[in-house]
Amino acid sequence: MRATGVVVEYNPFHNGHLHHLRETRAATGADVVVAVMSGHFLQRGEPALVSKWARTRMALESGVDVVIELPYCFATQHAEIFSKGAISLLDRFGCESFCFGSEDGDIDGFLMTIQFIQTHQEQYDVYIKELIQEGMSYPSALAGAFRKLGNQDSVIDLSKPNNILGFHYLEARNQLGSSLEAYTITRESAGYHDEHFSSPSIASATSIRKSIFSSQGDHEIESYLPAASVQELERYKGEFGGFHRWESYWTLLQYKLLSSSKAELRDIYEIEEGIENRMVEYAKSCLSFEEFMTKLKTKRYTWTRLQRMLLHILTDTHKEEMRSRHDSPRYIRLLGMNTKGREFIHSRKKNLSLPLISKLSSADPHDIQLDIKAAEIYSLGLQDPDARTRLLRQEWSQPPIMMS
């Protein structure tokens, strides 16, 4: 059985994801699609709308064959480390290829871009350093350095978010020496960060989440989600009382900022250059996470980068424990599968070079502790104490979800 991989968050699974999934099967000719999916917290440093188990059900109901988890130490990182963890897991799981959505939609353009930058690597690195010193954010510095190299015929636009991720997927594959074949398809209609609906059937996850938390409620989003996703969102809201967003964790973050010493905050992963001083100062007066972030954001620090810093403060994740883990994944955690996915796993299980975890009790406690801690903190975003207990219990008791 040939397997292809996709790197996803499904926050939530929408019609754009369904399009990507169908086009991935067509482009790769794969028998099985494996999704490596972020857990409870995501690459932009925010909590997932619903749990990884709910998003796994959405994926399986919509045609994904296997869902495995991208651990916290990769899922909550900048694009380079995020991509390295995801591509490594797909490679170690036995996939022959992977497919990603991009604004460019041409794999040759990505390959030419990789080659172009490698040819000019020394000057590229110099430009990045200069632009960061001028106060530019890291993502903007990457795009700016690329533009300054000039002579860019037939290369992709690295100012686009999905192009950036695709570039890093290919870069990770090359660094790993993997034989994974790369495919890309054009991202449909909505932009990655679009906050408004601009198409009758395709919308960004950002605009869908914004609508869910708006006064219109859930009804406005039904045109943009498969029926299975709508049903899963309704089920989750009924069972746990609501959805997750940063505002639900604001008082916890505020307490952490005000009760920690400056030295303790400086030891948190990604905290640097005295940013902890401004965080503590604004935490004293801001009434909401939105207000806090609006005051905290600067030209140098993007909203996403600040959210990742604050997430690591919330989860008390220190520099050393993250740096010691993001060299390479240490396990493959299975979240769900269908019948075809189970056949694939059975055919590859003996040849896996990493432990396959289907029960949390069988995992090495040291390897899995960041994900357990993330699940514990994530559950605190629910208002009802009983709901928190039920959600946290899932981390230990929920076997991989099986669908026919």
Protein backbone atom coordinates (compact mmCIF):
# COMPACT_ATOMS: atom_id res chain seq x y z
CA MET A 1 0.00 0.00 0.00
CA ARG A 2 1.37 3.40 -1.02
CA ALA A 3 0.94 6.15 1.55
CA THR A 4 1.16 9.91 1.22
CA GLY A 5 1.34 12.37 4.09
CA VAL A 6 -0.25 15.74 4.84
CA VAL A 7 0.76 18.16 7.60
CA VAL A 8 -2.35 19.61 9.24
CA GLU A 9 -4.00 21.34 12.16
CA TYR A 10 -7.66 21.05 11.09
CA ASN A 11 -8.75 23.88 13.33
CA PRO A 12 -11.44 22.98 12.33
CA PHE A 13 -11.55 20.67 9.27
CA HIS A 14 -13.25 22.72 6.51
CA ASN A 15 -14.05 22.48 2.81
CA GLY A 16 -10.61 23.77 1.83
CA HIS A 17 -9.07 20.83 3.69
CA LEU A 18 -11.49 18.48 1.95
CA HIS A 19 -10.36 19.87 -1.42
CA HIS A 20 -6.72 19.41 -0.44
CA LEU A 21 -7.37 15.84 0.65
CA ARG A 22 -9.11 14.91 -2.60
CA GLU A 23 -6.47 16.59 -4.76
CA THR A 24 -3.71 14.90 -2.75
CA ARG A 25 -5.13 11.46 -3.56
CA ALA A 26 -5.44 12.38 -7.23
CA ALA A 27 -1.94 13.88 -7.50
CA THR A 28 -0.05 11.17 -5.63
CA GLY A 29 -2.07 8.07 -6.53
CA ALA A 30 -1.71 6.94 -2.92
CA ASP A 31 -3.83 4.22 -1.34
CA VAL A 32 -3.59 5.77 2.12
CA VAL A 33 -3.46 9.35 3.38
CA VAL A 34 -1.63 9.88 6.69
CA ALA A 35 -2.23 13.18 8.50
CA VAL A 36 0.36 14.34 11.01
CA MET A 37 -1.72 16.72 13.10
CA SER A 38 -0.83 19.18 15.85
CA GLY A 39 -2.16 18.33 19.29
CA HIS A 40 -4.02 20.66 21.64
CA PHE A 41 -1.82 23.71 20.93
CA LEU A 42 -0.88 24.96 17.48
CA GLN A 43 1.93 26.45 15.44
CA ARG A 44 0.69 30.03 15.85
CA GLY A 45 0.87 29.64 19.63
CA GLU A 46 -2.84 29.26 20.30
CA PRO A 47 -5.17 26.59 21.68
CA ALA A 48 -7.04 24.47 19.17
CA LEU A 49 -10.75 25.25 18.92
CA VAL A 50 -11.58 21.67 19.97
CA SER A 51 -9.47 18.79 21.24
CA LYS A 52 -7.18 16.65 19.10
CA TRP A 53 -9.64 13.77 19.51
CA ALA A 54 -12.52 15.80 18.08
CA ARG A 55 -10.36 16.98 15.18
CA THR A 56 -9.23 13.40 14.57
CA ARG A 57 -12.88 12.36 14.19
CA MET A 58 -13.45 15.20 11.73
CA ALA A 59 -10.47 14.04 9.68
CA LEU A 60 -11.44 10.37 9.62
CA GLU A 61 -15.08 11.16 8.79
CA SER A 62 -13.87 13.23 5.84
CA GLY A 63 -11.53 10.65 4.32
CA VAL A 64 -8.16 10.71 6.10
CA ASP A 65 -7.00 7.12 6.75
CA VAL A 66 -4.55 7.60 9.65
CA VAL A 67 -4.00 10.48 12.08
CA ILE A 68 -0.79 10.72 14.12
CA GLU A 69 0.11 13.51 16.54
CA LEU A 70 2.79 16.13 16.03
CA PRO A 71 4.21 16.53 19.55
CA TYR A 72 4.10 19.83 21.44
CA CYS A 73 7.87 20.32 21.03
CA PHE A 74 7.38 20.57 17.24
CA ALA A 75 3.76 21.73 16.91
CA THR A 76 4.33 25.02 18.77
CA GLN A 77 7.47 26.10 16.93
CA HIS A 78 8.44 28.42 14.10
CA ALA A 79 8.14 27.01 10.59
CA GLU A 80 11.60 25.45 10.36
CA ILE A 81 11.30 23.22 13.44
CA PHE A 82 7.57 22.60 12.89
CA SER A 83 8.34 21.30 9.40
CA LYS A 84 11.30 19.24 10.52
CA GLY A 85 9.20 17.36 13.08
CA ALA A 86 6.27 16.77 10.73
CA ILE A 87 8.29 15.58 7.73
CA SER A 88 10.45 13.37 9.95
CA LEU A 89 7.34 11.65 11.35
CA LEU A 90 5.88 11.03 7.89
CA ASP A 91 9.19 9.61 6.74
CA ARG A 92 9.61 7.37 9.80
CA PHE A 93 5.98 6.21 9.51
CA GLY A 94 6.61 4.77 6.05
CA CYS A 95 5.05 7.30 3.69
CA GLU A 96 6.38 7.46 0.14
CA SER A 97 5.34 11.08 -0.47
CA PHE A 98 3.75 14.19 1.02
CA CYS A 99 1.53 16.89 -0.42
CA PHE A 100 0.95 20.44 0.80
CA GLY A 101 -1.22 23.35 -0.25
CA SER A 102 0.52 26.52 -1.42
CA GLU A 103 -0.22 29.86 -3.00
CA ASP A 104 2.19 29.02 -5.83
CA GLY A 105 0.97 25.49 -6.60
CA ASP A 106 4.03 24.44 -8.63
CA ILE A 107 6.52 22.02 -7.09
CA ASP A 108 9.20 22.95 -9.64
CA GLY A 109 9.13 26.51 -8.34
CA PHE A 110 9.83 25.25 -4.82
CA LEU A 111 12.71 23.07 -6.01
CA MET A 112 14.22 25.99 -7.94
CA THR A 113 13.86 28.22 -4.89
CA ILE A 114 15.68 25.70 -2.69
CA GLN A 115 18.48 25.50 -5.23
CA PHE A 116 18.61 29.28 -5.65
CA ILE A 117 18.98 29.91 -1.94
CA GLN A 118 21.56 27.16 -1.49
CA THR A 119 23.63 28.77 -4.24
CA HIS A 120 23.47 32.13 -2.43
CA GLN A 121 23.33 30.80 1.14
CA GLU A 122 26.11 32.93 2.61
CA GLN A 123 24.72 36.22 1.30
CA TYR A 124 21.17 35.15 2.17
CA ASP A 125 22.15 34.60 5.82
CA VAL A 126 23.90 37.99 5.92
CA TYR A 127 20.77 39.75 4.63
CA ILE A 128 18.57 37.97 7.19
CA LYS A 129 20.84 39.05 10.04
CA GLU A 130 20.93 42.66 8.81
CA LEU A 131 17.16 42.89 8.47
CA ILE A 132 16.54 41.44 11.93
CA GLN A 133 19.01 43.96 13.39
CA GLU A 134 16.97 46.69 11.70
CA GLY A 135 13.96 45.54 13.72
CA MET A 136 12.24 43.31 11.18
CA SER A 137 10.50 40.14 12.33
CA TYR A 138 12.08 36.81 11.38
CA PRO A 139 9.42 35.83 8.76
CA SER A 140 9.63 39.29 7.18
CA ALA A 141 13.43 39.12 7.23
CA LEU A 142 13.36 35.80 5.35
CA ALA A 143 11.16 37.26 2.62
CA GLY A 144 13.14 40.49 2.55
CA ALA A 145 16.47 38.69 2.27
CA PHE A 146 15.10 36.61 -0.57
CA ARG A 147 13.99 39.72 -2.46
CA LYS A 148 17.38 41.35 -1.97
CA LEU A 149 19.10 38.42 -3.68
CA GLY A 150 17.39 39.47 -6.93
CA ASN A 151 17.26 37.55 -10.23
CA GLN A 152 14.34 35.41 -9.09
CA ASP A 153 12.82 34.09 -12.30
CA SER A 154 10.83 30.86 -11.79
CA VAL A 155 11.03 30.94 -7.99
CA ILE A 156 8.19 31.20 -5.49
CA ASP A 157 7.01 34.16 -3.43
CA LEU A 158 8.34 33.59 0.08
CA SER A 159 6.16 36.32 1.57
CA LYS A 160 3.15 33.97 1.36
CA PRO A 161 2.46 31.85 4.49
CA ASN A 162 1.77 28.52 2.78
CA ASN A 163 4.70 28.98 0.41
CA ILE A 164 6.92 29.54 3.44
CA LEU A 165 5.74 26.32 5.06
CA GLY A 166 6.14 24.39 1.81
CA PHE A 167 9.68 25.71 1.42
CA HIS A 168 10.53 24.49 4.92
CA TYR A 169 8.92 21.09 4.28
CA LEU A 170 11.24 20.59 1.31
CA GLU A 171 14.20 21.98 3.20
CA ALA A 172 13.49 19.52 6.05
CA ARG A 173 13.20 16.61 3.63
CA ASN A 174 16.58 17.44 2.12
CA GLN A 175 18.25 17.88 5.52
CA LEU A 176 16.87 14.53 6.68
CA GLY A 177 18.10 12.81 3.52
CA SER A 178 14.59 11.48 3.03
CA SER A 179 13.35 9.90 -0.19
CA LEU A 180 9.84 11.33 0.29
CA GLU A 181 8.49 12.67 -3.00
CA ALA A 182 6.99 16.16 -2.72
CA TYR A 183 3.75 17.40 -4.30
CA THR A 184 1.88 20.67 -3.96
CA ILE A 185 -1.57 21.89 -5.00
CA THR A 186 -2.84 25.44 -5.24
CA ARG A 187 -4.64 26.70 -2.18
CA GLU A 188 -8.25 27.45 -3.06
CA SER A 189 -9.98 30.86 -2.72
CA ALA A 190 -9.44 31.98 0.88
CA GLY A 191 -6.08 33.20 2.12
CA TYR A 192 -4.47 31.62 5.16
CA HIS A 193 -5.16 34.58 7.47
CA ASP A 194 -8.37 35.89 5.84
CA GLU A 195 -10.79 37.00 8.56
CA HIS A 196 -13.85 37.38 6.32
CA PHE A 197 -15.82 35.04 4.07
CA SER A 198 -14.99 35.75 0.42
CA SER A 199 -16.27 32.59 -1.28
CA PRO A 200 -19.58 30.69 -1.14
CA SER A 201 -17.96 27.42 -0.02
CA ILE A 202 -14.26 27.90 0.86
CA ALA A 203 -13.14 29.94 3.87
CA SER A 204 -10.02 30.13 6.00
CA ALA A 205 -9.98 28.48 9.40
CA THR A 206 -9.32 31.97 10.83
CA SER A 207 -12.58 33.36 9.44
CA ILE A 208 -14.51 30.26 10.55
CA ARG A 209 -13.24 30.56 14.13
CA LYS A 210 -13.99 34.29 14.14
CA SER A 211 -17.56 33.55 13.08
CA ILE A 212 -17.97 30.86 15.75
CA PHE A 213 -17.04 33.35 18.47
CA SER A 214 -19.14 36.16 16.99
CA SER A 215 -22.74 37.04 17.77
CA GLN A 216 -23.92 35.11 14.70
CA GLY A 217 -23.01 31.84 16.36
CA ASP A 218 -22.38 28.62 14.46
CA HIS A 219 -25.00 28.86 11.70
CA GLU A 220 -23.00 31.15 9.41
CA ILE A 221 -20.20 28.57 9.05
CA GLU A 222 -22.23 25.60 7.82
CA SER A 223 -21.59 26.38 4.14
CA TYR A 224 -17.84 26.14 4.71
CA LEU A 225 -17.58 22.85 6.62
CA PRO A 226 -18.34 19.22 5.78
CA ALA A 227 -21.40 17.95 7.65
CA ALA A 228 -19.17 15.75 9.84
CA SER A 229 -17.26 18.80 11.09
CA VAL A 230 -20.47 20.69 11.90
CA GLN A 231 -21.79 17.69 13.82
CA GLU A 232 -18.51 17.27 15.70
CA LEU A 233 -18.47 20.92 16.72
CA GLU A 234 -22.04 20.63 17.98
CA ARG A 235 -21.20 17.43 19.85
CA TYR A 236 -18.12 18.99 21.47
CA LYS A 237 -20.00 22.11 22.54
CA GLY A 238 -22.75 19.96 24.03
CA GLU A 239 -20.36 17.67 25.88
CA PHE A 240 -17.81 20.21 27.12
CA GLY A 241 -19.79 23.44 27.21
CA GLY A 242 -17.88 25.47 24.65
CA PHE A 243 -14.73 25.94 22.60
CA HIS A 244 -11.15 26.91 23.38
CA ARG A 245 -9.48 30.26 22.68
CA TRP A 246 -6.82 32.40 24.33
CA GLU A 247 -9.32 34.51 26.25
CA SER A 248 -10.30 31.37 28.22
CA TYR A 249 -6.73 31.18 29.56
CA TRP A 250 -6.12 34.89 30.18
CA THR A 251 -6.45 34.84 33.97
CA LEU A 252 -4.18 31.78 34.17
CA LEU A 253 -1.56 33.53 32.02
CA GLN A 254 -1.95 36.74 33.99
CA TYR A 255 -1.38 34.86 37.25
CA LYS A 256 1.69 33.15 35.82
CA LEU A 257 3.20 36.43 34.64
CA LEU A 258 2.57 38.24 37.92
CA SER A 259 3.64 35.41 40.21
CA SER A 260 6.89 34.53 38.39
CA SER A 261 10.20 36.27 38.94
CA LYS A 262 11.94 37.91 35.99
CA ALA A 263 14.63 35.24 36.18
CA GLU A 264 12.01 32.50 35.99
CA LEU A 265 10.41 34.13 32.95
CA ARG A 266 13.78 34.50 31.20
CA ASP A 267 14.23 30.74 31.49
CA ILE A 268 11.04 30.11 29.49
CA TYR A 269 11.53 28.95 25.91
CA GLU A 270 11.71 31.79 23.32
CA ILE A 271 11.76 34.58 25.93
CA GLU A 272 14.58 36.96 25.05
CA GLU A 273 15.78 40.57 24.87
CA GLY A 274 13.91 41.68 27.98
CA ILE A 275 10.43 41.12 26.53
CA GLU A 276 9.41 39.68 29.91
CA ASN A 277 9.54 43.18 31.42
CA ARG A 278 6.89 44.51 29.06
CA MET A 279 4.80 41.36 29.54
CA VAL A 280 4.71 41.79 33.31
CA GLU A 281 3.98 45.52 33.07
CA TYR A 282 0.99 45.08 30.73
CA ALA A 283 -0.31 42.05 32.66
CA LYS A 284 -0.93 44.36 35.64
CA SER A 285 -3.51 46.48 33.86
CA CYS A 286 -4.97 44.66 30.83
CA LEU A 287 -8.45 43.20 31.19
CA SER A 288 -8.31 40.73 28.30
CA PHE A 289 -5.86 38.75 26.21
CA GLU A 290 -6.77 40.82 23.15
CA GLU A 291 -5.95 44.07 24.93
CA PHE A 292 -2.73 42.60 26.30
CA MET A 293 -1.56 41.41 22.87
CA THR A 294 -2.45 44.69 21.17
CA LYS A 295 -0.24 46.59 23.60
CA LEU A 296 2.55 44.00 23.56
CA LYS A 297 2.97 43.65 19.79
CA THR A 298 5.86 45.50 18.14
CA LYS A 299 7.44 45.61 14.68
CA ARG A 300 10.08 43.12 15.78
CA TYR A 301 7.71 40.68 17.49
CA THR A 302 4.84 39.33 15.40
CA TRP A 303 1.53 38.40 16.98
CA THR A 304 2.31 34.72 16.30
CA ARG A 305 5.76 34.82 17.86
CA LEU A 306 4.41 36.53 20.97
CA GLN A 307 1.62 33.96 21.27
CA ARG A 308 4.19 31.16 21.18
CA MET A 309 6.18 32.85 23.94
CA LEU A 310 3.06 33.26 26.06
CA LEU A 311 2.00 29.68 25.42
CA HIS A 312 5.33 28.45 26.76
CA ILE A 313 4.87 30.69 29.81
CA LEU A 314 1.38 29.26 30.32
CA THR A 315 2.69 25.67 30.10
CA ASP A 316 5.90 26.51 32.04
CA THR A 317 8.04 25.12 29.23
CA HIS A 318 11.73 25.89 29.70
CA LYS A 319 14.50 26.45 27.19
CA GLU A 320 16.46 23.33 28.02
CA GLU A 321 13.55 20.89 27.91
CA MET A 322 12.47 22.14 24.47
CA ARG A 323 15.96 22.25 22.98
CA SER A 324 16.68 18.73 24.15
CA ARG A 325 13.62 17.38 22.31
CA HIS A 326 13.32 19.10 18.94
CA ASP A 327 16.26 17.40 17.21
CA SER A 328 14.10 14.48 16.15
CA PRO A 329 10.77 12.86 17.14
CA ARG A 330 11.10 10.03 19.68
CA TYR A 331 7.76 8.30 19.16
CA ILE A 332 4.71 8.10 16.90
CA ARG A 333 1.45 8.62 18.74
CA LEU A 334 -1.54 7.15 16.93
CA LEU A 335 -4.74 9.20 17.31
CA GLY A 336 -7.04 7.43 14.88
CA MET A 337 -7.48 5.29 11.78
CA ASN A 338 -10.05 3.71 9.51
CA THR A 339 -10.05 0.13 8.22
CA LYS A 340 -7.65 0.91 5.39
CA GLY A 341 -5.40 2.81 7.77
CA ARG A 342 -5.30 -0.15 10.15
CA GLU A 343 -4.25 -2.43 7.28
CA PHE A 344 -1.46 0.00 6.40
CA ILE A 345 -0.22 0.17 9.99
CA HIS A 346 -0.29 -3.62 10.26
CA SER A 347 1.81 -3.91 7.09
CA ARG A 348 4.45 -1.41 8.31
CA LYS A 349 4.45 -1.88 12.08
CA LYS A 350 7.37 -4.31 12.24
CA ASN A 351 9.61 -1.96 10.25
CA LEU A 352 8.96 1.23 12.21
CA SER A 353 12.10 2.79 13.66
CA LEU A 354 10.17 4.67 16.37
CA PRO A 355 7.84 3.33 19.09
CA LEU A 356 4.18 3.39 18.00
CA ILE A 357 2.09 4.61 20.94
CA SER A 358 -1.57 3.67 21.07
CA LYS A 359 -1.84 3.70 24.88
CA LEU A 360 -0.29 6.53 26.87
CA SER A 361 0.71 4.11 29.63
CA SER A 362 3.11 2.38 27.21
CA ALA A 363 5.05 5.58 26.43
CA ASP A 364 8.32 6.63 28.01
CA PRO A 365 7.21 9.19 30.66
CA HIS A 366 10.17 11.46 29.92
CA ASP A 367 9.44 11.54 26.18
CA ILE A 368 5.73 12.22 26.53
CA GLN A 369 5.67 14.59 29.53
CA LEU A 370 5.39 17.83 27.51
CA ASP A 371 2.30 16.50 25.72
CA ILE A 372 0.72 15.39 28.99
CA LYS A 373 1.35 18.81 30.53
CA ALA A 374 -0.12 20.47 27.45
CA ALA A 375 -3.27 18.34 27.78
CA GLU A 376 -3.57 19.26 31.46
CA ILE A 377 -3.32 23.00 30.74
CA TYR A 378 -5.62 22.75 27.72
CA SER A 379 -8.40 21.27 29.84
CA LEU A 380 -8.34 24.36 32.09
CA GLY A 381 -9.81 26.40 29.23
CA LEU A 382 -13.23 24.87 29.95
CA GLN A 383 -15.49 26.58 32.49
CA ASP A 384 -17.18 23.49 33.93
CA PRO A 385 -14.91 21.54 36.35
CA ASP A 386 -16.59 18.25 35.41
CA ALA A 387 -15.96 18.96 31.73
CA ARG A 388 -12.29 19.64 32.49
CA THR A 389 -11.99 16.31 34.26
CA ARG A 390 -13.67 14.44 31.41
CA LEU A 391 -11.44 16.06 28.80
CA LEU A 392 -8.25 15.41 30.74
CA ARG A 393 -9.28 11.80 31.38
CA GLN A 394 -9.34 11.32 27.60
CA GLU A 395 -5.60 11.85 27.43
CA TRP A 396 -5.11 8.63 29.40
CA SER A 397 -8.17 6.57 28.57
CA GLN A 398 -8.94 7.33 24.92
CA PRO A 399 -7.65 4.57 22.60
CA PRO A 400 -6.96 5.46 18.95
CA ILE A 401 -10.28 6.33 17.31
CA MET A 402 -11.35 3.58 14.90
CA MET A 403 -13.76 4.14 12.02
CA SER A 404 -14.87 1.84 9.25
